[in-house]
Amino acid sequence: MESFVIETFLDGVKEDTVKVPLALAKLALRPFLNQLNSEQAEMMDTAIKAKDFEGLIFECEEHDSGEKVVFSIL
């Protein structure tokens, strides 16, 4: 079963990992996609809907605080 994975890092060290079945992620991400700019939202939406996609979708890093969030499909 494919999973939508969210990993958080602080100063390069993995802090948390959340795995959600992809079907559930499709429903849960709708409100979140509205918070992104149109290019980012379209990229994430396309990857989630693709039947054969696997890998990194989106990575967001805050350089000042050393925080990073990675979204992927595994």
Protein backbone atom coordinates (compact mmCIF):
# COMPACT_ATOMS: atom_id res chain seq x y z
CA MET A 1 0.00 0.00 0.00
CA GLU A 2 1.35 3.41 -0.95
CA SER A 3 1.86 5.92 1.85
CA PHE A 4 2.10 9.68 1.98
CA VAL A 5 5.08 10.45 4.23
CA ILE A 6 5.84 13.67 6.11
CA GLU A 7 9.26 13.93 7.74
CA THR A 8 10.44 16.81 9.91
CA PHE A 9 14.07 17.68 10.55
CA LEU A 10 15.79 20.10 12.91
CA ASP A 11 19.40 21.01 12.14
CA GLY A 12 19.67 18.00 9.80
CA VAL A 13 18.43 15.50 12.40
CA LYS A 14 15.16 13.69 11.72
CA GLU A 15 12.66 14.64 14.43
CA ASP A 16 9.39 12.99 13.35
CA THR A 17 7.92 10.81 10.61
CA VAL A 18 4.23 10.46 9.84
CA LYS A 19 2.96 7.88 7.33
CA VAL A 20 -0.62 8.01 6.09
CA PRO A 21 -2.28 5.74 3.51
CA LEU A 22 -2.30 7.62 0.23
CA ALA A 23 -6.09 7.40 -0.16
CA LEU A 24 -6.58 9.15 3.19
CA ALA A 25 -3.91 11.73 2.37
CA LYS A 26 -5.79 12.71 -0.79
CA LEU A 27 -8.75 13.77 1.35
CA ALA A 28 -6.81 15.31 4.22
CA LEU A 29 -4.51 17.46 2.06
CA ARG A 30 -7.22 19.47 0.30
CA PRO A 31 -7.25 22.33 2.89
CA PHE A 32 -3.43 22.34 3.05
CA LEU A 33 -3.06 22.71 -0.72
CA ASN A 34 -5.00 25.99 -0.54
CA GLN A 35 -2.20 27.42 1.64
CA LEU A 36 0.50 26.83 -1.01
CA ASN A 37 1.16 28.90 -4.08
CA SER A 38 -0.50 27.56 -7.24
CA GLU A 39 2.66 25.93 -8.67
CA GLN A 40 3.44 24.08 -5.43
CA ALA A 41 -0.16 22.96 -4.96
CA GLU A 42 -0.42 21.71 -8.55
CA MET A 43 2.85 19.77 -8.25
CA MET A 44 1.74 18.07 -5.03
CA ASP A 45 -1.77 17.36 -6.34
CA THR A 46 -0.40 15.83 -9.57
CA ALA A 47 2.00 13.57 -7.67
CA ILE A 48 -0.71 12.37 -5.28
CA LYS A 49 -3.11 11.56 -8.14
CA ALA A 50 -0.49 9.74 -10.27
CA LYS A 51 -0.79 5.98 -10.00
CA ASP A 52 2.90 5.26 -10.56
CA PHE A 53 4.61 8.12 -8.71
CA GLU A 54 7.06 7.30 -5.93
CA GLY A 55 9.55 9.64 -4.31
CA LEU A 56 10.01 13.19 -3.06
CA ILE A 57 7.16 15.59 -3.78
CA PHE A 58 8.01 18.74 -1.89
CA GLU A 59 10.69 19.97 0.51
CA CYS A 60 10.42 23.15 2.56
CA GLU A 61 13.34 24.49 4.59
CA GLU A 62 13.55 27.42 6.99
CA HIS A 63 17.23 28.36 6.99
CA ASP A 64 17.12 30.66 10.02
CA SER A 65 15.72 28.00 12.36
CA GLY A 66 17.22 24.90 10.72
CA GLU A 67 13.77 23.34 10.30
CA LYS A 68 12.87 21.28 7.23
CA VAL A 69 9.74 19.39 6.20
CA VAL A 70 9.80 16.75 3.46
CA PHE A 71 6.70 15.32 1.74
CA SER A 72 7.02 12.11 -0.26
CA ILE A 73 5.15 9.07 -1.52
CA LEU A 74 6.53 5.63 -0.74
